[in-house]
Amino acid sequence: MSSLPDRIARTILIAGGALLLAGAGAATEKMPPAGHYGYGRIPTAAEIAGWAIAARPDGQGLPPGKGSVDDGANVYAEQCAACHGTFGEGEGRFPKLAGGGNLTGDRPEPTVGTYWPYATTLFDYINRAMPFPTPHTLTPDQVYAMTAYVLNVNDIVPNDFIADAQSLPKVTMPNVNGFTWTDPRPDTADKECMAQCRDPASVKISSTAEGKGLTPREDGPLDEMEPK
């Protein structure tokens, strides 16, 4: 018969072994699959929908809802006027949204009326980024109404305009073509010459970038220009 100390030691060893085996089994169960970092999960459809809020120029992605110019004036007064002014004229160093301005002077002054290309993306920006202190807190109806108001103070839509997913894509912004540019340089293509190549003396320069607004200055190659 073994002594009491021996029996106690044997019991401790058995219990310790059982704990080790249990721990190994648990660790095996929690081991992440190959290629997985062991944290996070696949988002649900509802979670994805909460962030999939992009409204495209053609109107795809605009949510259900609507808003009038008058309703927008009320929302704007509460949420936006402190920074952008009562009629979009801007307060302090905050940007102005309306009221004259142009993009061609020495100090270009972009506003919604002079710069913004699409009414739909105006909705998109307000919806995702405004008001500045608390973005993502406006309802779709409020964003539609505010979009209608901002367009109205820029004389782009009439006083009775109702902004929604059908009407906004139909609004033509004054600068809709301002984001397109045709390169005046001709398209050229040539194949590598390995034999019977063209005589360099026969190559003529038919046009240059000079005077076409492609470089900051017109009195020398771009890589040799120095600041004025």
C-alpha atoms as a PDB file:
ATOM      1  CA  MET A   1       0.000   0.000   0.000  1.00  0.00           C
ATOM      2  CA  SER A   2       1.369   3.413  -0.977  1.00  0.00           C
ATOM      3  CA  SER A   3       1.761   6.111   1.581  1.00  0.00           C
ATOM      4  CA  LEU A   4      -0.477   9.149   1.809  1.00  0.00           C
ATOM      5  CA  PRO A   5       2.149  11.520   0.369  1.00  0.00           C
ATOM      6  CA  ASP A   6       2.569   9.214  -2.642  1.00  0.00           C
ATOM      7  CA  ARG A   7      -1.180   9.104  -3.261  1.00  0.00           C
ATOM      8  CA  ILE A   8      -1.389  12.903  -3.038  1.00  0.00           C
ATOM      9  CA  ALA A   9       1.494  13.321  -5.492  1.00  0.00           C
ATOM     10  CA  ARG A  10      -0.099  10.819  -7.923  1.00  0.00           C
ATOM     11  CA  THR A  11      -3.427  12.671  -7.731  1.00  0.00           C
ATOM     12  CA  ILE A  12      -1.766  15.989  -8.451  1.00  0.00           C
ATOM     13  CA  LEU A  13       0.041  14.526 -11.470  1.00  0.00           C
ATOM     14  CA  ILE A  14      -3.164  13.023 -12.891  1.00  0.00           C
ATOM     15  CA  ALA A  15      -5.095  16.267 -12.378  1.00  0.00           C
ATOM     16  CA  GLY A  16      -2.304  18.275 -13.940  1.00  0.00           C
ATOM     17  CA  GLY A  17      -2.216  15.972 -16.942  1.00  0.00           C
ATOM     18  CA  ALA A  18      -5.966  16.269 -17.378  1.00  0.00           C
ATOM     19  CA  LEU A  19      -5.737  20.062 -17.298  1.00  0.00           C
ATOM     20  CA  LEU A  20      -2.970  20.030 -19.906  1.00  0.00           C
ATOM     21  CA  LEU A  21      -5.017  17.778 -22.199  1.00  0.00           C
ATOM     22  CA  ALA A  22      -8.099  19.941 -21.739  1.00  0.00           C
ATOM     23  CA  GLY A  23      -6.104  23.059 -22.480  1.00  0.00           C
ATOM     24  CA  ALA A  24      -4.599  21.528 -25.592  1.00  0.00           C
ATOM     25  CA  GLY A  25      -8.052  20.515 -26.821  1.00  0.00           C
ATOM     26  CA  ALA A  26      -9.432  23.995 -26.234  1.00  0.00           C
ATOM     27  CA  ALA A  27      -6.462  25.560 -27.975  1.00  0.00           C
ATOM     28  CA  THR A  28      -6.986  23.259 -30.948  1.00  0.00           C
ATOM     29  CA  GLU A  29     -10.638  24.275 -31.185  1.00  0.00           C
ATOM     30  CA  LYS A  30      -9.764  27.993 -31.096  1.00  0.00           C
ATOM     31  CA  MET A  31      -6.938  27.794 -33.606  1.00  0.00           C
ATOM     32  CA  PRO A  32      -7.888  29.987 -36.575  1.00  0.00           C
ATOM     33  CA  PRO A  33      -7.968  28.402 -39.988  1.00  0.00           C
ATOM     34  CA  ALA A  34      -5.004  28.868 -42.293  1.00  0.00           C
ATOM     35  CA  GLY A  35      -4.857  32.336 -43.791  1.00  0.00           C
ATOM     36  CA  HIS A  36      -7.086  33.896 -41.130  1.00  0.00           C
ATOM     37  CA  TYR A  37      -5.721  36.307 -38.533  1.00  0.00           C
ATOM     38  CA  GLY A  38      -8.068  35.197 -35.793  1.00  0.00           C
ATOM     39  CA  TYR A  39     -10.143  38.349 -35.359  1.00  0.00           C
ATOM     40  CA  GLY A  40     -13.095  39.990 -37.035  1.00  0.00           C
ATOM     41  CA  ARG A  41     -15.911  38.389 -38.964  1.00  0.00           C
ATOM     42  CA  ILE A  42     -17.764  38.710 -42.239  1.00  0.00           C
ATOM     43  CA  PRO A  43     -20.123  41.704 -41.987  1.00  0.00           C
ATOM     44  CA  THR A  44     -23.844  41.167 -42.273  1.00  0.00           C
ATOM     45  CA  ALA A  45     -25.856  42.565 -45.161  1.00  0.00           C
ATOM     46  CA  ALA A  46     -27.393  45.137 -42.808  1.00  0.00           C
ATOM     47  CA  GLU A  47     -23.945  46.292 -41.665  1.00  0.00           C
ATOM     48  CA  ILE A  48     -22.758  46.682 -45.249  1.00  0.00           C
ATOM     49  CA  ALA A  49     -25.905  48.608 -46.151  1.00  0.00           C
ATOM     50  CA  GLY A  50     -25.170  51.074 -43.367  1.00  0.00           C
ATOM     51  CA  TRP A  51     -21.961  52.119 -45.120  1.00  0.00           C
ATOM     52  CA  ALA A  52     -22.999  51.620 -48.764  1.00  0.00           C
ATOM     53  CA  ILE A  53     -24.355  55.160 -49.098  1.00  0.00           C
ATOM     54  CA  ALA A  54     -22.602  56.399 -52.240  1.00  0.00           C
ATOM     55  CA  ALA A  55     -24.807  58.360 -54.645  1.00  0.00           C
ATOM     56  CA  ARG A  56     -23.400  58.382 -58.176  1.00  0.00           C
ATOM     57  CA  PRO A  57     -23.678  61.137 -60.784  1.00  0.00           C
ATOM     58  CA  ASP A  58     -26.424  59.221 -62.605  1.00  0.00           C
ATOM     59  CA  GLY A  59     -28.443  58.977 -59.386  1.00  0.00           C
ATOM     60  CA  GLN A  60     -27.750  55.349 -58.626  1.00  0.00           C
ATOM     61  CA  GLY A  61     -27.559  54.913 -54.874  1.00  0.00           C
ATOM     62  CA  LEU A  62     -29.898  57.765 -53.949  1.00  0.00           C
ATOM     63  CA  PRO A  63     -32.192  56.600 -51.125  1.00  0.00           C
ATOM     64  CA  PRO A  64     -35.975  56.908 -50.909  1.00  0.00           C
ATOM     65  CA  GLY A  65     -37.220  60.232 -49.622  1.00  0.00           C
ATOM     66  CA  LYS A  66     -37.781  63.807 -50.750  1.00  0.00           C
ATOM     67  CA  GLY A  67     -37.370  67.379 -49.603  1.00  0.00           C
ATOM     68  CA  SER A  68     -38.517  70.848 -50.638  1.00  0.00           C
ATOM     69  CA  VAL A  69     -36.674  74.155 -50.804  1.00  0.00           C
ATOM     70  CA  ASP A  70     -38.726  75.545 -47.913  1.00  0.00           C
ATOM     71  CA  ASP A  71     -38.029  72.539 -45.709  1.00  0.00           C
ATOM     72  CA  GLY A  72     -34.384  72.792 -46.640  1.00  0.00           C
ATOM     73  CA  ALA A  73     -34.263  76.428 -45.530  1.00  0.00           C
ATOM     74  CA  ASN A  74     -35.358  75.355 -42.050  1.00  0.00           C
ATOM     75  CA  VAL A  75     -32.871  72.487 -41.830  1.00  0.00           C
ATOM     76  CA  TYR A  76     -30.101  74.690 -43.212  1.00  0.00           C
ATOM     77  CA  ALA A  77     -30.811  77.431 -40.645  1.00  0.00           C
ATOM     78  CA  GLU A  78     -30.504  74.919 -37.807  1.00  0.00           C
ATOM     79  CA  GLN A  79     -27.591  72.822 -39.079  1.00  0.00           C
ATOM     80  CA  CYS A  80     -25.507  74.874 -41.533  1.00  0.00           C
ATOM     81  CA  ALA A  81     -25.973  78.639 -41.303  1.00  0.00           C
ATOM     82  CA  ALA A  82     -23.563  79.040 -38.380  1.00  0.00           C
ATOM     83  CA  CYS A  83     -20.674  78.035 -40.660  1.00  0.00           C
ATOM     84  CA  HIS A  84     -21.868  78.726 -44.203  1.00  0.00           C
ATOM     85  CA  GLY A  85     -24.010  81.826 -43.629  1.00  0.00           C
ATOM     86  CA  THR A  86     -27.765  82.289 -43.914  1.00  0.00           C
ATOM     87  CA  PHE A  87     -27.708  82.319 -47.711  1.00  0.00           C
ATOM     88  CA  GLY A  88     -24.525  80.351 -48.295  1.00  0.00           C
ATOM     89  CA  GLU A  89     -22.249  83.392 -48.221  1.00  0.00           C
ATOM     90  CA  GLY A  90     -19.859  81.753 -45.743  1.00  0.00           C
ATOM     91  CA  GLU A  91     -18.898  82.765 -42.214  1.00  0.00           C
ATOM     92  CA  GLY A  92     -15.325  83.470 -41.201  1.00  0.00           C
ATOM     93  CA  ARG A  93     -12.995  81.023 -42.884  1.00  0.00           C
ATOM     94  CA  PHE A  94     -15.721  78.517 -43.682  1.00  0.00           C
ATOM     95  CA  PRO A  95     -16.364  78.055 -47.422  1.00  0.00           C
ATOM     96  CA  LYS A  96     -19.118  79.929 -49.168  1.00  0.00           C
ATOM     97  CA  LEU A  97     -21.700  77.840 -50.966  1.00  0.00           C
ATOM     98  CA  ALA A  98     -23.344  80.509 -53.135  1.00  0.00           C
ATOM     99  CA  GLY A  99     -23.106  84.100 -54.238  1.00  0.00           C
ATOM    100  CA  GLY A 100     -21.106  84.991 -57.322  1.00  0.00           C
ATOM    101  CA  GLY A 101     -17.547  83.827 -57.527  1.00  0.00           C
ATOM    102  CA  ASN A 102     -15.701  82.338 -60.470  1.00  0.00           C
ATOM    103  CA  LEU A 103     -12.974  79.833 -61.239  1.00  0.00           C
ATOM    104  CA  THR A 104     -10.915  81.908 -63.656  1.00  0.00           C
ATOM    105  CA  GLY A 105      -9.655  84.843 -61.596  1.00  0.00           C
ATOM    106  CA  ASP A 106      -6.402  85.194 -59.698  1.00  0.00           C
ATOM    107  CA  ARG A 107      -8.212  83.901 -56.602  1.00  0.00           C
ATOM    108  CA  PRO A 108     -10.701  81.272 -57.815  1.00  0.00           C
ATOM    109  CA  GLU A 109     -13.774  81.111 -55.618  1.00  0.00           C
ATOM    110  CA  PRO A 110     -15.483  77.730 -55.959  1.00  0.00           C
ATOM    111  CA  THR A 111     -19.099  77.532 -54.832  1.00  0.00           C
ATOM    112  CA  VAL A 112     -21.783  74.964 -55.492  1.00  0.00           C
ATOM    113  CA  GLY A 113     -22.971  77.116 -58.376  1.00  0.00           C
ATOM    114  CA  THR A 114     -19.568  77.721 -59.968  1.00  0.00           C
ATOM    115  CA  TYR A 115     -17.781  74.466 -59.251  1.00  0.00           C
ATOM    116  CA  TRP A 116     -19.982  71.475 -58.380  1.00  0.00           C
ATOM    117  CA  PRO A 117     -20.607  69.182 -61.380  1.00  0.00           C
ATOM    118  CA  TYR A 118     -23.637  67.105 -60.268  1.00  0.00           C
ATOM    119  CA  ALA A 119     -26.606  67.697 -57.992  1.00  0.00           C
ATOM    120  CA  THR A 120     -26.593  64.013 -57.054  1.00  0.00           C
ATOM    121  CA  THR A 121     -23.057  64.150 -55.692  1.00  0.00           C
ATOM    122  CA  LEU A 122     -23.962  67.292 -53.745  1.00  0.00           C
ATOM    123  CA  PHE A 123     -26.525  65.123 -51.961  1.00  0.00           C
ATOM    124  CA  ASP A 124     -23.849  62.465 -51.485  1.00  0.00           C
ATOM    125  CA  TYR A 125     -21.403  64.893 -49.872  1.00  0.00           C
ATOM    126  CA  ILE A 126     -23.967  66.424 -47.523  1.00  0.00           C
ATOM    127  CA  ASN A 127     -25.214  62.968 -46.573  1.00  0.00           C
ATOM    128  CA  ARG A 128     -21.793  61.580 -45.667  1.00  0.00           C
ATOM    129  CA  ALA A 129     -19.969  64.637 -44.321  1.00  0.00           C
ATOM    130  CA  MET A 130     -22.391  67.248 -43.013  1.00  0.00           C
ATOM    131  CA  PRO A 131     -23.070  68.888 -40.657  1.00  0.00           C
ATOM    132  CA  PHE A 132     -19.396  69.254 -39.851  1.00  0.00           C
ATOM    133  CA  PRO A 133     -19.571  68.507 -36.079  1.00  0.00           C
ATOM    134  CA  THR A 134     -21.977  65.568 -36.396  1.00  0.00           C
ATOM    135  CA  PRO A 135     -21.986  63.953 -39.859  1.00  0.00           C
ATOM    136  CA  HIS A 136     -24.301  61.065 -40.655  1.00  0.00           C
ATOM    137  CA  THR A 137     -27.037  62.385 -38.375  1.00  0.00           C
ATOM    138  CA  LEU A 138     -29.468  63.753 -40.979  1.00  0.00           C
ATOM    139  CA  THR A 139     -32.368  61.758 -42.390  1.00  0.00           C
ATOM    140  CA  PRO A 140     -32.644  61.278 -46.168  1.00  0.00           C
ATOM    141  CA  ASP A 141     -35.565  63.738 -46.236  1.00  0.00           C
ATOM    142  CA  GLN A 142     -33.447  66.368 -44.484  1.00  0.00           C
ATOM    143  CA  VAL A 143     -30.553  65.840 -46.880  1.00  0.00           C
ATOM    144  CA  TYR A 144     -32.853  66.069 -49.897  1.00  0.00           C
ATOM    145  CA  ALA A 145     -34.374  69.268 -48.501  1.00  0.00           C
ATOM    146  CA  MET A 146     -30.982  70.810 -47.784  1.00  0.00           C
ATOM    147  CA  THR A 147     -29.762  69.894 -51.257  1.00  0.00           C
ATOM    148  CA  ALA A 148     -32.823  71.584 -52.759  1.00  0.00           C
ATOM    149  CA  TYR A 149     -32.192  74.719 -50.704  1.00  0.00           C
ATOM    150  CA  VAL A 150     -28.495  74.986 -51.625  1.00  0.00           C
ATOM    151  CA  LEU A 151     -29.333  74.524 -55.303  1.00  0.00           C
ATOM    152  CA  ASN A 152     -32.033  77.170 -55.000  1.00  0.00           C
ATOM    153  CA  VAL A 153     -29.814  79.848 -53.420  1.00  0.00           C
ATOM    154  CA  ASN A 154     -27.464  79.269 -56.362  1.00  0.00           C
ATOM    155  CA  ASP A 155     -30.376  79.967 -58.762  1.00  0.00           C
ATOM    156  CA  ILE A 156     -30.115  76.460 -60.212  1.00  0.00           C
ATOM    157  CA  VAL A 157     -33.609  75.203 -59.292  1.00  0.00           C
ATOM    158  CA  PRO A 158     -36.900  77.106 -58.741  1.00  0.00           C
ATOM    159  CA  ASN A 159     -38.547  77.800 -55.385  1.00  0.00           C
ATOM    160  CA  ASP A 160     -41.032  74.939 -55.796  1.00  0.00           C
ATOM    161  CA  PHE A 161     -38.377  72.324 -56.582  1.00  0.00           C
ATOM    162  CA  ILE A 162     -38.719  68.967 -54.807  1.00  0.00           C
ATOM    163  CA  ALA A 163     -35.497  66.995 -54.547  1.00  0.00           C
ATOM    164  CA  ASP A 164     -35.707  63.214 -54.733  1.00  0.00           C
ATOM    165  CA  ALA A 165     -34.072  60.261 -56.478  1.00  0.00           C
ATOM    166  CA  GLN A 166     -35.864  61.102 -59.743  1.00  0.00           C
ATOM    167  CA  SER A 167     -35.461  64.874 -59.887  1.00  0.00           C
ATOM    168  CA  LEU A 168     -31.834  65.339 -58.799  1.00  0.00           C
ATOM    169  CA  PRO A 169     -30.281  63.419 -61.729  1.00  0.00           C
ATOM    170  CA  LYS A 170     -32.186  65.722 -64.093  1.00  0.00           C
ATOM    171  CA  VAL A 171     -30.621  68.904 -62.690  1.00  0.00           C
ATOM    172  CA  THR A 172     -27.940  70.345 -64.993  1.00  0.00           C
ATOM    173  CA  MET A 173     -25.218  72.084 -63.023  1.00  0.00           C
ATOM    174  CA  PRO A 174     -23.469  75.149 -64.539  1.00  0.00           C
ATOM    175  CA  ASN A 175     -20.038  73.491 -64.307  1.00  0.00           C
ATOM    176  CA  VAL A 176     -21.068  70.019 -65.447  1.00  0.00           C
ATOM    177  CA  ASN A 177     -18.536  70.178 -68.291  1.00  0.00           C
ATOM    178  CA  GLY A 178     -15.798  71.754 -66.219  1.00  0.00           C
ATOM    179  CA  PHE A 179     -14.261  68.439 -65.238  1.00  0.00           C
ATOM    180  CA  THR A 180     -13.594  67.281 -68.789  1.00  0.00           C
ATOM    181  CA  TRP A 181     -10.517  68.285 -70.768  1.00  0.00           C
ATOM    182  CA  THR A 182      -9.364  67.476 -74.261  1.00  0.00           C
ATOM    183  CA  ASP A 183      -5.620  67.192 -74.633  1.00  0.00           C
ATOM    184  CA  PRO A 184      -4.714  69.382 -77.628  1.00  0.00           C
ATOM    185  CA  ARG A 185      -1.594  67.351 -78.355  1.00  0.00           C
ATOM    186  CA  PRO A 186      -2.006  64.929 -81.268  1.00  0.00           C
ATOM    187  CA  ASP A 187      -2.078  61.198 -80.657  1.00  0.00           C
ATOM    188  CA  THR A 188       1.152  59.646 -81.860  1.00  0.00           C
ATOM    189  CA  ALA A 189       2.292  56.077 -82.236  1.00  0.00           C
ATOM    190  CA  ASP A 190       5.417  54.519 -83.630  1.00  0.00           C
ATOM    191  CA  LYS A 191       6.968  51.094 -83.671  1.00  0.00           C
ATOM    192  CA  GLU A 192      10.410  50.236 -82.435  1.00  0.00           C
ATOM    193  CA  CYS A 193      12.919  50.342 -85.261  1.00  0.00           C
ATOM    194  CA  MET A 194      15.563  47.626 -85.388  1.00  0.00           C
ATOM    195  CA  ALA A 195      16.595  47.873 -89.054  1.00  0.00           C
ATOM    196  CA  GLN A 196      16.189  50.294 -91.974  1.00  0.00           C
ATOM    197  CA  CYS A 197      15.201  53.037 -89.528  1.00  0.00           C
ATOM    198  CA  ARG A 198      14.047  56.505 -90.494  1.00  0.00           C
ATOM    199  CA  ASP A 199      16.735  59.081 -91.104  1.00  0.00           C
ATOM    200  CA  PRO A 200      16.732  61.418 -88.063  1.00  0.00           C
ATOM    201  CA  ALA A 201      17.250  64.358 -90.384  1.00  0.00           C
ATOM    202  CA  SER A 202      13.867  63.672 -91.949  1.00  0.00           C
ATOM    203  CA  VAL A 203      11.979  63.921 -88.617  1.00  0.00           C
ATOM    204  CA  LYS A 204      10.103  67.209 -88.333  1.00  0.00           C
ATOM    205  CA  ILE A 205       8.373  68.720 -85.266  1.00  0.00           C
ATOM    206  CA  SER A 206       4.824  69.446 -86.341  1.00  0.00           C
ATOM    207  CA  SER A 207       3.500  70.924 -83.084  1.00  0.00           C
ATOM    208  CA  THR A 208       4.520  71.730 -79.517  1.00  0.00           C
ATOM    209  CA  ALA A 209       2.845  72.310 -76.150  1.00  0.00           C
ATOM    210  CA  GLU A 210       3.822  75.974 -76.223  1.00  0.00           C
ATOM    211  CA  GLY A 211       0.925  78.344 -75.756  1.00  0.00           C
ATOM    212  CA  LYS A 212      -1.572  75.596 -74.948  1.00  0.00           C
ATOM    213  CA  GLY A 213      -1.638  75.941 -71.174  1.00  0.00           C
ATOM    214  CA  LEU A 214      -0.016  72.576 -70.545  1.00  0.00           C
ATOM    215  CA  THR A 215       2.998  73.811 -68.592  1.00  0.00           C
ATOM    216  CA  PRO A 216       3.490  76.631 -66.057  1.00  0.00           C
ATOM    217  CA  ARG A 217       5.710  78.582 -68.454  1.00  0.00           C
ATOM    218  CA  GLU A 218       6.256  78.727 -72.185  1.00  0.00           C
ATOM    219  CA  ASP A 219       9.881  79.870 -72.414  1.00  0.00           C
ATOM    220  CA  GLY A 220      11.700  76.580 -71.977  1.00  0.00           C
ATOM    221  CA  PRO A 221      11.489  72.836 -71.451  1.00  0.00           C
ATOM    222  CA  LEU A 222       9.610  71.763 -68.344  1.00  0.00           C
ATOM    223  CA  ASP A 223      12.640  70.114 -66.716  1.00  0.00           C
ATOM    224  CA  GLU A 224      14.689  73.330 -66.995  1.00  0.00           C
ATOM    225  CA  MET A 225      12.099  75.704 -65.581  1.00  0.00           C
ATOM    226  CA  GLU A 226      12.901  77.721 -62.492  1.00  0.00           C
ATOM    227  CA  PRO A 227      10.324  79.477 -60.284  1.00  0.00           C
ATOM    228  CA  LYS A 228       9.651  83.060 -61.259  1.00  0.00           C
END
